[in-house]
Amino acid sequence: MTGKIGEGKGLLIIHPPAAKACEAPGGPARLAGALKAGGVACRLWDANLEGQLALMASAAQAASGDSDTWTRRAARHLEANLAALRSPELYAHRDRYGRAVRDTNRLLWAAARPSGVRLNLADYEDGRLNPVRSADLLAAAAEPAANPFHAWFAERLPEILAEMPVSHVGLSINYLSQALTAFAMIGHIRREYPSLRIVLGGGLVTSWMRRPGWRDPFGSLADGMIDGPGEAPLLDLFGKGHAGGFDRPDFDGLPLAGYLAPGAVLPYSASSGCWWQRCSFCPELAEGTPYRPVPPGQAVEDLRALTAKLRPALIHLLDNALSPAI
């Protein structure tokens, strides 16, 4: 981990837009399990799902005066389409499913269009800024109001922060489609809440930090960046140690029934890294990520306990490759 942040009193972990909102984010849930087991207060916020739903609702409300027939139709059917996307019946009808997705995408497109962003359920493409350029990420942080999610998260963030006292905010950034909005959120937090300490982690951040010749261009924005698994570094921020084992994920605060899938999906990692380690194209190999499996007995017990509590329709194993033992 880079940066020295000091001890604190609680952590808000944000899963930022935009990514596919079909299941809860597995990484933040794993971190929450470790933090709570270590006695650290932690709040998970899926700003991705919540933000996309908020933009759809805003676009639907504004569509009454829109001259575009498709946008008005999508607005009229928004609630029905969202309900259908959360029910198994829709997925037996390819045409109806396609129409529901196109209509919800239309509202996201309409909401983001004034910002010069092409937004849909699967991707985020900015016409001005490129998430692979650090200068553009810094520009997104310098001008957060230009982001299509800004009006929503500027209003919602104070409500989230009022729920529990926190000294640290962590952003879990795993995909390029999340990067520009994540940095817009960072810029807003830095400006409006200067006392909060910001730490970045996730798969994309790890890839950045493990590139040859990495030089941190974000020191003015982030108080720290975590390379790889975050349990031990995050606990260290609060003066706690990590025993080195595997803590059960904690999904409290995440709306498992609210995702756009035909039933609640339970994401679970039975390992990090990959036991195969032979694919030349794989970032796990290029980044030197060690293989760390959850003991099979513990994985089974975790899944038994989580399914008994959460009653998912589907278990999604997030592993790069399932070991023979698992």
C-alpha atoms as a PDB file:
ATOM      1  CA  MET A   1       0.000   0.000   0.000  1.00  0.00           C
ATOM      2  CA  THR A   2       1.157   3.541  -0.741  1.00  0.00           C
ATOM      3  CA  GLY A   3       0.433   6.543   1.444  1.00  0.00           C
ATOM      4  CA  LYS A   4       0.208   7.054   5.205  1.00  0.00           C
ATOM      5  CA  ILE A   5      -3.289   7.705   6.385  1.00  0.00           C
ATOM      6  CA  GLY A   6      -3.354   7.215  10.136  1.00  0.00           C
ATOM      7  CA  GLU A   7      -5.951   5.658  12.361  1.00  0.00           C
ATOM      8  CA  GLY A   8      -9.655   6.346  12.057  1.00  0.00           C
ATOM      9  CA  LYS A   9     -13.103   5.468  13.302  1.00  0.00           C
ATOM     10  CA  GLY A  10     -14.951   3.909  10.377  1.00  0.00           C
ATOM     11  CA  LEU A  11     -14.848   3.193   6.661  1.00  0.00           C
ATOM     12  CA  LEU A  12     -17.332   3.747   3.844  1.00  0.00           C
ATOM     13  CA  ILE A  13     -16.601   1.455   0.863  1.00  0.00           C
ATOM     14  CA  ILE A  14     -18.059   2.665  -2.439  1.00  0.00           C
ATOM     15  CA  HIS A  15     -18.693   0.559  -5.546  1.00  0.00           C
ATOM     16  CA  PRO A  16     -18.834   3.382  -8.126  1.00  0.00           C
ATOM     17  CA  PRO A  17     -20.659   3.575 -11.471  1.00  0.00           C
ATOM     18  CA  ALA A  18     -20.666   2.296 -14.093  1.00  0.00           C
ATOM     19  CA  ALA A  19     -20.653  -1.495 -14.246  1.00  0.00           C
ATOM     20  CA  LYS A  20     -23.196  -4.224 -14.910  1.00  0.00           C
ATOM     21  CA  ALA A  21     -25.686  -4.025 -12.051  1.00  0.00           C
ATOM     22  CA  CYS A  22     -26.690  -7.687 -12.015  1.00  0.00           C
ATOM     23  CA  GLU A  23     -25.171  -8.717  -8.683  1.00  0.00           C
ATOM     24  CA  ALA A  24     -23.606  -7.354  -5.509  1.00  0.00           C
ATOM     25  CA  PRO A  25     -19.884  -6.488  -5.681  1.00  0.00           C
ATOM     26  CA  GLY A  26     -17.978  -9.435  -4.245  1.00  0.00           C
ATOM     27  CA  GLY A  27     -14.729  -7.648  -3.355  1.00  0.00           C
ATOM     28  CA  PRO A  28     -16.244  -4.979  -1.080  1.00  0.00           C
ATOM     29  CA  ALA A  29     -18.347  -7.645   0.673  1.00  0.00           C
ATOM     30  CA  ARG A  30     -15.187  -9.637   1.384  1.00  0.00           C
ATOM     31  CA  LEU A  31     -13.481  -6.535   2.778  1.00  0.00           C
ATOM     32  CA  ALA A  32     -16.500  -5.731   4.939  1.00  0.00           C
ATOM     33  CA  GLY A  33     -16.363  -9.222   6.427  1.00  0.00           C
ATOM     34  CA  ALA A  34     -12.704  -8.779   7.385  1.00  0.00           C
ATOM     35  CA  LEU A  35     -13.190  -5.266   8.779  1.00  0.00           C
ATOM     36  CA  LYS A  36     -16.188  -6.196  10.905  1.00  0.00           C
ATOM     37  CA  ALA A  37     -14.437  -9.324  12.180  1.00  0.00           C
ATOM     38  CA  GLY A  38     -11.578  -7.029  13.197  1.00  0.00           C
ATOM     39  CA  GLY A  39     -13.862  -4.649  15.067  1.00  0.00           C
ATOM     40  CA  VAL A  40     -13.900  -1.843  12.478  1.00  0.00           C
ATOM     41  CA  ALA A  41     -17.193  -0.142  11.592  1.00  0.00           C
ATOM     42  CA  CYS A  42     -17.853  -0.456   7.861  1.00  0.00           C
ATOM     43  CA  ARG A  43     -20.629   0.635   5.515  1.00  0.00           C
ATOM     44  CA  LEU A  44     -20.998  -0.688   1.944  1.00  0.00           C
ATOM     45  CA  TRP A  45     -22.580   1.549  -0.692  1.00  0.00           C
ATOM     46  CA  ASP A  46     -23.378   0.203  -4.150  1.00  0.00           C
ATOM     47  CA  ALA A  47     -23.412   3.576  -5.867  1.00  0.00           C
ATOM     48  CA  ASN A  48     -23.404   1.789  -9.217  1.00  0.00           C
ATOM     49  CA  LEU A  49     -26.837   0.187  -8.922  1.00  0.00           C
ATOM     50  CA  GLU A  50     -28.314   3.101  -7.028  1.00  0.00           C
ATOM     51  CA  GLY A  51     -26.880   5.680  -9.409  1.00  0.00           C
ATOM     52  CA  GLN A  52     -28.096   3.921 -12.543  1.00  0.00           C
ATOM     53  CA  LEU A  53     -31.610   3.588 -11.116  1.00  0.00           C
ATOM     54  CA  ALA A  54     -31.582   7.260 -10.120  1.00  0.00           C
ATOM     55  CA  LEU A  55     -30.527   8.376 -13.612  1.00  0.00           C
ATOM     56  CA  MET A  56     -33.226   6.226 -15.219  1.00  0.00           C
ATOM     57  CA  ALA A  57     -35.867   7.716 -12.931  1.00  0.00           C
ATOM     58  CA  SER A  58     -34.652  11.247 -13.609  1.00  0.00           C
ATOM     59  CA  ALA A  59     -34.701  10.691 -17.379  1.00  0.00           C
ATOM     60  CA  ALA A  60     -38.164   9.145 -17.189  1.00  0.00           C
ATOM     61  CA  GLN A  61     -39.479  12.131 -15.267  1.00  0.00           C
ATOM     62  CA  ALA A  62     -38.056  14.547 -17.828  1.00  0.00           C
ATOM     63  CA  ALA A  63     -39.267  12.525 -20.815  1.00  0.00           C
ATOM     64  CA  SER A  64     -42.847  13.828 -20.786  1.00  0.00           C
ATOM     65  CA  GLY A  65     -41.737  16.832 -22.812  1.00  0.00           C
ATOM     66  CA  ASP A  66     -39.317  14.906 -25.024  1.00  0.00           C
ATOM     67  CA  SER A  67     -40.119  14.861 -28.730  1.00  0.00           C
ATOM     68  CA  ASP A  68     -38.567  11.412 -29.118  1.00  0.00           C
ATOM     69  CA  THR A  69     -41.200   8.653 -29.171  1.00  0.00           C
ATOM     70  CA  TRP A  70     -38.779   5.933 -28.053  1.00  0.00           C
ATOM     71  CA  THR A  71     -37.674   7.888 -24.975  1.00  0.00           C
ATOM     72  CA  ARG A  72     -41.276   8.621 -23.973  1.00  0.00           C
ATOM     73  CA  ARG A  73     -42.189   4.944 -24.385  1.00  0.00           C
ATOM     74  CA  ALA A  74     -39.190   3.861 -22.327  1.00  0.00           C
ATOM     75  CA  ALA A  75     -40.206   6.305 -19.613  1.00  0.00           C
ATOM     76  CA  ARG A  76     -43.774   4.991 -19.478  1.00  0.00           C
ATOM     77  CA  HIS A  77     -42.584   1.394 -19.137  1.00  0.00           C
ATOM     78  CA  LEU A  78     -39.627   1.946 -16.797  1.00  0.00           C
ATOM     79  CA  GLU A  79     -41.106   0.399 -13.661  1.00  0.00           C
ATOM     80  CA  ALA A  80     -42.557  -2.532 -15.612  1.00  0.00           C
ATOM     81  CA  ASN A  81     -39.229  -3.140 -17.359  1.00  0.00           C
ATOM     82  CA  LEU A  82     -37.262  -3.063 -14.095  1.00  0.00           C
ATOM     83  CA  ALA A  83     -39.718  -5.477 -12.492  1.00  0.00           C
ATOM     84  CA  ALA A  84     -39.457  -7.765 -15.520  1.00  0.00           C
ATOM     85  CA  LEU A  85     -35.649  -7.735 -15.464  1.00  0.00           C
ATOM     86  CA  ARG A  86     -35.856  -8.931 -11.842  1.00  0.00           C
ATOM     87  CA  SER A  87     -38.203 -11.820 -12.646  1.00  0.00           C
ATOM     88  CA  PRO A  88     -37.373 -15.207 -14.228  1.00  0.00           C
ATOM     89  CA  GLU A  89     -40.297 -15.099 -16.658  1.00  0.00           C
ATOM     90  CA  LEU A  90     -38.798 -12.399 -18.873  1.00  0.00           C
ATOM     91  CA  TYR A  91     -35.696 -14.476 -19.639  1.00  0.00           C
ATOM     92  CA  ALA A  92     -37.748 -17.136 -21.414  1.00  0.00           C
ATOM     93  CA  HIS A  93     -38.644 -14.588 -24.110  1.00  0.00           C
ATOM     94  CA  ARG A  94     -35.672 -13.246 -26.031  1.00  0.00           C
ATOM     95  CA  ASP A  95     -37.599 -10.494 -27.820  1.00  0.00           C
ATOM     96  CA  ARG A  96     -39.253  -9.150 -24.661  1.00  0.00           C
ATOM     97  CA  TYR A  97     -35.930  -9.274 -22.824  1.00  0.00           C
ATOM     98  CA  GLY A  98     -34.205  -7.372 -25.637  1.00  0.00           C
ATOM     99  CA  ARG A  99     -36.866  -4.698 -25.634  1.00  0.00           C
ATOM    100  CA  ALA A 100     -36.671  -4.218 -21.858  1.00  0.00           C
ATOM    101  CA  VAL A 101     -32.888  -3.821 -22.049  1.00  0.00           C
ATOM    102  CA  ARG A 102     -33.072  -1.412 -24.992  1.00  0.00           C
ATOM    103  CA  ASP A 103     -35.659   0.739 -23.219  1.00  0.00           C
ATOM    104  CA  THR A 104     -33.686   0.970 -19.980  1.00  0.00           C
ATOM    105  CA  ASN A 105     -30.540   1.695 -21.978  1.00  0.00           C
ATOM    106  CA  ARG A 106     -32.436   4.471 -23.758  1.00  0.00           C
ATOM    107  CA  LEU A 107     -33.134   6.237 -20.477  1.00  0.00           C
ATOM    108  CA  LEU A 108     -29.516   5.958 -19.353  1.00  0.00           C
ATOM    109  CA  TRP A 109     -28.467   7.338 -22.733  1.00  0.00           C
ATOM    110  CA  ALA A 110     -30.900  10.242 -22.389  1.00  0.00           C
ATOM    111  CA  ALA A 111     -29.726  11.039 -18.849  1.00  0.00           C
ATOM    112  CA  ALA A 112     -26.013  11.049 -19.777  1.00  0.00           C
ATOM    113  CA  ARG A 113     -26.264  12.669 -23.210  1.00  0.00           C
ATOM    114  CA  PRO A 114     -25.993  16.309 -21.954  1.00  0.00           C
ATOM    115  CA  SER A 115     -22.650  15.387 -20.361  1.00  0.00           C
ATOM    116  CA  GLY A 116     -21.264  14.016 -23.628  1.00  0.00           C
ATOM    117  CA  VAL A 117     -21.299  10.474 -22.225  1.00  0.00           C
ATOM    118  CA  ARG A 118     -22.672   7.338 -23.882  1.00  0.00           C
ATOM    119  CA  LEU A 119     -24.015   5.319 -20.961  1.00  0.00           C
ATOM    120  CA  ASN A 120     -25.819   1.991 -20.942  1.00  0.00           C
ATOM    121  CA  LEU A 121     -26.252  -0.989 -18.634  1.00  0.00           C
ATOM    122  CA  ALA A 122     -22.914  -2.454 -19.703  1.00  0.00           C
ATOM    123  CA  ASP A 123     -20.579   0.453 -20.431  1.00  0.00           C
ATOM    124  CA  TYR A 124     -19.599   4.100 -19.964  1.00  0.00           C
ATOM    125  CA  GLU A 125     -17.918   6.016 -22.789  1.00  0.00           C
ATOM    126  CA  ASP A 126     -16.971   9.680 -22.400  1.00  0.00           C
ATOM    127  CA  GLY A 127     -16.568  11.725 -25.573  1.00  0.00           C
ATOM    128  CA  ARG A 128     -13.960  14.002 -23.945  1.00  0.00           C
ATOM    129  CA  LEU A 129     -12.057  11.939 -21.390  1.00  0.00           C
ATOM    130  CA  ASN A 130     -10.277   8.603 -21.694  1.00  0.00           C
ATOM    131  CA  PRO A 131      -9.951   6.471 -18.541  1.00  0.00           C
ATOM    132  CA  VAL A 132      -6.587   5.058 -19.642  1.00  0.00           C
ATOM    133  CA  ARG A 133      -4.991   8.534 -19.392  1.00  0.00           C
ATOM    134  CA  SER A 134      -4.092   9.719 -15.900  1.00  0.00           C
ATOM    135  CA  ALA A 135      -4.415  13.358 -17.031  1.00  0.00           C
ATOM    136  CA  ASP A 136      -8.040  12.707 -17.980  1.00  0.00           C
ATOM    137  CA  LEU A 137      -8.736  11.020 -14.634  1.00  0.00           C
ATOM    138  CA  LEU A 138      -7.315  14.081 -12.887  1.00  0.00           C
ATOM    139  CA  ALA A 139      -9.510  16.268 -15.115  1.00  0.00           C
ATOM    140  CA  ALA A 140     -12.570  14.242 -14.078  1.00  0.00           C
ATOM    141  CA  ALA A 141     -11.680  14.896 -10.444  1.00  0.00           C
ATOM    142  CA  ALA A 142     -11.099  18.598 -11.072  1.00  0.00           C
ATOM    143  CA  GLU A 143     -14.528  19.027 -12.681  1.00  0.00           C
ATOM    144  CA  PRO A 144     -16.872  16.546 -10.983  1.00  0.00           C
ATOM    145  CA  ALA A 145     -20.005  18.473 -11.987  1.00  0.00           C
ATOM    146  CA  ALA A 146     -19.360  17.469 -15.622  1.00  0.00           C
ATOM    147  CA  ASN A 147     -20.062  13.831 -14.751  1.00  0.00           C
ATOM    148  CA  PRO A 148     -23.633  12.626 -15.439  1.00  0.00           C
ATOM    149  CA  PHE A 149     -23.856  11.042 -11.971  1.00  0.00           C
ATOM    150  CA  HIS A 150     -22.715  14.175 -10.126  1.00  0.00           C
ATOM    151  CA  ALA A 151     -26.071  15.779  -9.336  1.00  0.00           C
ATOM    152  CA  TRP A 152     -27.266  12.497  -7.876  1.00  0.00           C
ATOM    153  CA  PHE A 153     -24.219  11.578  -5.787  1.00  0.00           C
ATOM    154  CA  ALA A 154     -23.743  15.151  -4.530  1.00  0.00           C
ATOM    155  CA  GLU A 155     -27.236  14.904  -3.030  1.00  0.00           C
ATOM    156  CA  ARG A 156     -27.020  11.284  -1.895  1.00  0.00           C
ATOM    157  CA  LEU A 157     -23.557  11.241  -0.319  1.00  0.00           C
ATOM    158  CA  PRO A 158     -24.469  13.423   2.717  1.00  0.00           C
ATOM    159  CA  GLU A 159     -27.291  10.998   3.516  1.00  0.00           C
ATOM    160  CA  ILE A 160     -24.916   8.041   3.356  1.00  0.00           C
ATOM    161  CA  LEU A 161     -22.319   9.767   5.540  1.00  0.00           C
ATOM    162  CA  ALA A 162     -24.986  10.667   8.107  1.00  0.00           C
ATOM    163  CA  GLU A 163     -25.762   6.984   8.715  1.00  0.00           C
ATOM    164  CA  MET A 164     -22.543   6.308  10.649  1.00  0.00           C
ATOM    165  CA  PRO A 165     -19.387   8.235  11.560  1.00  0.00           C
ATOM    166  CA  VAL A 166     -16.532   7.515   9.163  1.00  0.00           C
ATOM    167  CA  SER A 167     -13.044   8.894   8.845  1.00  0.00           C
ATOM    168  CA  HIS A 168     -12.116   7.030   5.653  1.00  0.00           C
ATOM    169  CA  VAL A 169     -13.741   6.483   2.276  1.00  0.00           C
ATOM    170  CA  GLY A 170     -12.579   3.628   0.084  1.00  0.00           C
ATOM    171  CA  LEU A 171     -13.387   3.318  -3.599  1.00  0.00           C
ATOM    172  CA  SER A 172     -13.223  -0.135  -5.160  1.00  0.00           C
ATOM    173  CA  ILE A 173     -12.368   0.414  -8.842  1.00  0.00           C
ATOM    174  CA  ASN A 174     -12.296  -2.765 -10.908  1.00  0.00           C
ATOM    175  CA  TYR A 175     -13.227  -1.722 -14.446  1.00  0.00           C
ATOM    176  CA  LEU A 176     -12.264   1.080 -16.812  1.00  0.00           C
ATOM    177  CA  SER A 177     -15.971   1.901 -17.091  1.00  0.00           C
ATOM    178  CA  GLN A 178     -15.894   2.909 -13.406  1.00  0.00           C
ATOM    179  CA  ALA A 179     -12.739   5.011 -13.474  1.00  0.00           C
ATOM    180  CA  LEU A 180     -14.005   8.422 -14.642  1.00  0.00           C
ATOM    181  CA  THR A 181     -17.011   8.489 -12.315  1.00  0.00           C
ATOM    182  CA  ALA A 182     -14.878   7.197  -9.445  1.00  0.00           C
ATOM    183  CA  PHE A 183     -12.481  10.107  -9.926  1.00  0.00           C
ATOM    184  CA  ALA A 184     -15.368  12.561 -10.197  1.00  0.00           C
ATOM    185  CA  MET A 185     -16.555  11.228  -6.829  1.00  0.00           C
ATOM    186  CA  ILE A 186     -13.028  11.542  -5.425  1.00  0.00           C
ATOM    187  CA  GLY A 187     -12.812  15.160  -6.574  1.00  0.00           C
ATOM    188  CA  HIS A 188     -16.189  15.949  -5.031  1.00  0.00           C
ATOM    189  CA  ILE A 189     -15.296  14.286  -1.723  1.00  0.00           C
ATOM    190  CA  ARG A 190     -11.933  16.032  -1.597  1.00  0.00           C
ATOM    191  CA  ARG A 191     -13.627  19.390  -2.152  1.00  0.00           C
ATOM    192  CA  GLU A 192     -16.702  18.996   0.060  1.00  0.00           C
ATOM    193  CA  TYR A 193     -15.309  16.754   2.811  1.00  0.00           C
ATOM    194  CA  PRO A 194     -11.600  17.612   3.124  1.00  0.00           C
ATOM    195  CA  SER A 195     -11.265  15.872   6.491  1.00  0.00           C
ATOM    196  CA  LEU A 196     -12.166  12.475   5.014  1.00  0.00           C
ATOM    197  CA  ARG A 197      -9.231  10.285   4.012  1.00  0.00           C
ATOM    198  CA  ILE A 198      -9.518   8.576   0.653  1.00  0.00           C
ATOM    199  CA  VAL A 199      -8.073   5.185  -0.211  1.00  0.00           C
ATOM    200  CA  LEU A 200      -8.290   3.445  -3.586  1.00  0.00           C
ATOM    201  CA  GLY A 201      -8.261  -0.266  -4.328  1.00  0.00           C
ATOM    202  CA  GLY A 202      -9.708  -2.920  -6.616  1.00  0.00           C
ATOM    203  CA  GLY A 203      -8.557  -4.843  -9.646  1.00  0.00           C
ATOM    204  CA  LEU A 204      -7.936  -1.832 -11.893  1.00  0.00           C
ATOM    205  CA  VAL A 205      -5.916  -0.038  -9.215  1.00  0.00           C
ATOM    206  CA  THR A 206      -3.842  -3.169  -8.682  1.00  0.00           C
ATOM    207  CA  SER A 207      -3.141  -3.369 -12.429  1.00  0.00           C
ATOM    208  CA  TRP A 208      -1.996   0.263 -12.443  1.00  0.00           C
ATOM    209  CA  MET A 209       0.313  -0.185  -9.471  1.00  0.00           C
ATOM    210  CA  ARG A 210       1.916  -3.359 -10.810  1.00  0.00           C
ATOM    211  CA  ARG A 211       2.841  -1.889 -14.163  1.00  0.00           C
ATOM    212  CA  PRO A 212       6.605  -1.561 -14.707  1.00  0.00           C
ATOM    213  CA  GLY A 213       7.740   1.957 -13.915  1.00  0.00           C
ATOM    214  CA  TRP A 214       4.579   2.879 -11.991  1.00  0.00           C
ATOM    215  CA  ARG A 215       4.685   6.426 -10.597  1.00  0.00           C
ATOM    216  CA  ASP A 216       1.672   7.536  -8.597  1.00  0.00           C
ATOM    217  CA  PRO A 217       0.033  10.516 -10.372  1.00  0.00           C
ATOM    218  CA  PHE A 218      -2.863  10.672  -7.906  1.00  0.00           C
ATOM    219  CA  GLY A 219      -1.083  11.693  -4.706  1.00  0.00           C
ATOM    220  CA  SER A 220      -2.982  14.982  -4.506  1.00  0.00           C
ATOM    221  CA  LEU A 221      -6.308  13.132  -4.514  1.00  0.00           C
ATOM    222  CA  ALA A 222      -5.867   9.819  -2.728  1.00  0.00           C
ATOM    223  CA  ASP A 223      -4.301   9.414   0.690  1.00  0.00           C
ATOM    224  CA  GLY A 224      -3.441   5.827  -0.122  1.00  0.00           C
ATOM    225  CA  MET A 225      -3.696   3.135  -2.791  1.00  0.00           C
ATOM    226  CA  ILE A 226      -3.870  -0.599  -2.126  1.00  0.00           C
ATOM    227  CA  ASP A 227      -2.111  -3.084  -4.360  1.00  0.00           C
ATOM    228  CA  GLY A 228      -3.760  -6.504  -4.194  1.00  0.00           C
ATOM    229  CA  PRO A 229      -5.880  -7.894  -1.330  1.00  0.00           C
ATOM    230  CA  GLY A 230      -7.083  -5.092   0.919  1.00  0.00           C
ATOM    231  CA  GLU A 231      -7.978  -6.829   4.183  1.00  0.00           C
ATOM    232  CA  ALA A 232      -4.663  -6.385   6.019  1.00  0.00           C
ATOM    233  CA  PRO A 233      -3.884  -2.843   4.743  1.00  0.00           C
ATOM    234  CA  LEU A 234      -7.367  -1.579   5.624  1.00  0.00           C
ATOM    235  CA  LEU A 235      -7.293  -3.089   9.098  1.00  0.00           C
ATOM    236  CA  ASP A 236      -3.862  -1.542   9.585  1.00  0.00           C
ATOM    237  CA  LEU A 237      -5.367   1.910   8.956  1.00  0.00           C
ATOM    238  CA  PHE A 238      -7.443   1.449  12.089  1.00  0.00           C
ATOM    239  CA  GLY A 239      -4.677   0.014  14.228  1.00  0.00           C
ATOM    240  CA  LYS A 240      -5.938  -3.544  13.854  1.00  0.00           C
ATOM    241  CA  GLY A 241      -4.093  -6.632  12.739  1.00  0.00           C
ATOM    242  CA  HIS A 242      -5.241  -9.327  10.350  1.00  0.00           C
ATOM    243  CA  ALA A 243      -4.686 -12.952  11.271  1.00  0.00           C
ATOM    244  CA  GLY A 244      -4.107 -13.866   7.642  1.00  0.00           C
ATOM    245  CA  GLY A 245      -7.023 -16.226   7.228  1.00  0.00           C
ATOM    246  CA  PHE A 246     -10.157 -15.854   5.119  1.00  0.00           C
ATOM    247  CA  ASP A 247     -13.099 -13.946   6.558  1.00  0.00           C
ATOM    248  CA  ARG A 248     -16.654 -14.666   5.463  1.00  0.00           C
ATOM    249  CA  PRO A 249     -18.042 -11.960   3.145  1.00  0.00           C
ATOM    250  CA  ASP A 250     -20.598  -9.602   4.659  1.00  0.00           C
ATOM    251  CA  PHE A 251     -23.319  -8.330   2.318  1.00  0.00           C
ATOM    252  CA  ASP A 252     -25.189  -6.212   4.864  1.00  0.00           C
ATOM    253  CA  GLY A 253     -26.306  -2.954   3.302  1.00  0.00           C
ATOM    254  CA  LEU A 254     -26.302  -4.300  -0.253  1.00  0.00           C
ATOM    255  CA  PRO A 255     -29.763  -4.733  -1.840  1.00  0.00           C
ATOM    256  CA  LEU A 256     -29.418  -8.302  -3.133  1.00  0.00           C
ATOM    257  CA  ALA A 257     -33.022  -8.375  -4.343  1.00  0.00           C
ATOM    258  CA  GLY A 258     -32.674  -5.052  -6.162  1.00  0.00           C
ATOM    259  CA  TYR A 259     -30.176  -6.014  -8.846  1.00  0.00           C
ATOM    260  CA  LEU A 260     -31.191  -6.440 -12.474  1.00  0.00           C
ATOM    261  CA  ALA A 261     -31.209 -10.235 -12.523  1.00  0.00           C
ATOM    262  CA  PRO A 262     -33.946 -12.879 -12.317  1.00  0.00           C
ATOM    263  CA  GLY A 263     -33.168 -13.590  -8.659  1.00  0.00           C
ATOM    264  CA  ALA A 264     -30.574 -12.677  -6.044  1.00  0.00           C
ATOM    265  CA  VAL A 265     -27.025 -13.623  -7.074  1.00  0.00           C
ATOM    266  CA  LEU A 266     -24.448 -14.470  -4.392  1.00  0.00           C
ATOM    267  CA  PRO A 267     -20.867 -13.747  -5.564  1.00  0.00           C
ATOM    268  CA  TYR A 268     -18.176 -15.728  -3.753  1.00  0.00           C
ATOM    269  CA  SER A 269     -14.407 -16.041  -4.212  1.00  0.00           C
ATOM    270  CA  ALA A 270     -12.963 -19.396  -3.171  1.00  0.00           C
ATOM    271  CA  SER A 271      -9.472 -18.141  -4.049  1.00  0.00           C
ATOM    272  CA  SER A 272      -7.443 -15.215  -5.276  1.00  0.00           C
ATOM    273  CA  GLY A 273      -4.934 -15.514  -8.083  1.00  0.00           C
ATOM    274  CA  CYS A 274      -4.936 -18.670 -10.217  1.00  0.00           C
ATOM    275  CA  TRP A 275      -3.567 -22.147  -9.606  1.00  0.00           C
ATOM    276  CA  TRP A 276      -3.048 -22.773 -13.335  1.00  0.00           C
ATOM    277  CA  GLN A 277      -0.641 -19.847 -13.974  1.00  0.00           C
ATOM    278  CA  ARG A 278       0.061 -20.752 -17.612  1.00  0.00           C
ATOM    279  CA  CYS A 279      -2.004 -18.310 -19.711  1.00  0.00           C
ATOM    280  CA  SER A 280       0.295 -15.737 -21.301  1.00  0.00           C
ATOM    281  CA  PHE A 281      -2.534 -13.207 -21.771  1.00  0.00           C
ATOM    282  CA  CYS A 282      -3.668 -13.268 -18.109  1.00  0.00           C
ATOM    283  CA  PRO A 283      -3.066 -10.233 -15.857  1.00  0.00           C
ATOM    284  CA  GLU A 284      -2.802 -12.510 -12.809  1.00  0.00           C
ATOM    285  CA  LEU A 285       0.365 -13.994 -14.300  1.00  0.00           C
ATOM    286  CA  ALA A 286       1.735 -10.678 -15.577  1.00  0.00           C
ATOM    287  CA  GLU A 287       1.110  -8.981 -12.215  1.00  0.00           C
ATOM    288  CA  GLY A 288       2.596 -11.842 -10.206  1.00  0.00           C
ATOM    289  CA  THR A 289      -0.532 -12.426  -8.135  1.00  0.00           C
ATOM    290  CA  PRO A 290       0.030 -15.424  -5.844  1.00  0.00           C
ATOM    291  CA  TYR A 291      -2.575 -18.168  -5.647  1.00  0.00           C
ATOM    292  CA  ARG A 292      -4.350 -18.144  -2.266  1.00  0.00           C
ATOM    293  CA  PRO A 293      -7.182 -20.677  -1.928  1.00  0.00           C
ATOM    294  CA  VAL A 294      -9.813 -20.672   0.777  1.00  0.00           C
ATOM    295  CA  PRO A 295      -9.633 -24.084   2.468  1.00  0.00           C
ATOM    296  CA  PRO A 296     -12.338 -26.184   0.775  1.00  0.00           C
ATOM    297  CA  GLY A 297     -14.071 -26.986   4.055  1.00  0.00           C
ATOM    298  CA  GLN A 298     -14.302 -23.310   4.939  1.00  0.00           C
ATOM    299  CA  ALA A 299     -15.592 -22.437   1.464  1.00  0.00           C
ATOM    300  CA  VAL A 300     -18.371 -24.999   1.830  1.00  0.00           C
ATOM    301  CA  GLU A 301     -19.258 -23.708   5.294  1.00  0.00           C
ATOM    302  CA  ASP A 302     -19.234 -20.089   4.080  1.00  0.00           C
ATOM    303  CA  LEU A 303     -21.592 -20.926   1.236  1.00  0.00           C
ATOM    304  CA  ARG A 304     -23.901 -22.908   3.503  1.00  0.00           C
ATOM    305  CA  ALA A 305     -24.137 -20.029   5.965  1.00  0.00           C
ATOM    306  CA  LEU A 306     -24.538 -17.335   3.299  1.00  0.00           C
ATOM    307  CA  THR A 307     -27.184 -19.217   1.338  1.00  0.00           C
ATOM    308  CA  ALA A 308     -29.140 -19.947   4.517  1.00  0.00           C
ATOM    309  CA  LYS A 309     -29.123 -16.245   5.371  1.00  0.00           C
ATOM    310  CA  LEU A 310     -29.530 -14.652   1.936  1.00  0.00           C
ATOM    311  CA  ARG A 311     -31.509 -17.308  -0.009  1.00  0.00           C
ATOM    312  CA  PRO A 312     -29.904 -16.562  -3.412  1.00  0.00           C
ATOM    313  CA  ALA A 313     -31.224 -17.892  -6.683  1.00  0.00           C
ATOM    314  CA  LEU A 314     -27.675 -18.379  -7.961  1.00  0.00           C
ATOM    315  CA  ILE A 315     -24.156 -18.693  -6.555  1.00  0.00           C
ATOM    316  CA  HIS A 316     -21.534 -16.993  -8.742  1.00  0.00           C
ATOM    317  CA  LEU A 317     -18.047 -18.360  -8.131  1.00  0.00           C
ATOM    318  CA  LEU A 318     -15.676 -15.512  -8.995  1.00  0.00           C
ATOM    319  CA  ASP A 319     -12.467 -17.577  -9.154  1.00  0.00           C
ATOM    320  CA  ASN A 320     -10.217 -17.275 -12.184  1.00  0.00           C
ATOM    321  CA  ALA A 321     -10.058 -21.064 -12.209  1.00  0.00           C
ATOM    322  CA  LEU A 322     -11.643 -23.512  -9.776  1.00  0.00           C
ATOM    323  CA  SER A 323      -9.063 -25.834  -8.255  1.00  0.00           C
ATOM    324  CA  PRO A 324      -9.690 -29.601  -8.349  1.00  0.00           C
ATOM    325  CA  ALA A 325     -10.128 -29.555  -4.559  1.00  0.00           C
ATOM    326  CA  ILE A 326     -12.912 -26.950  -4.752  1.00  0.00           C
END
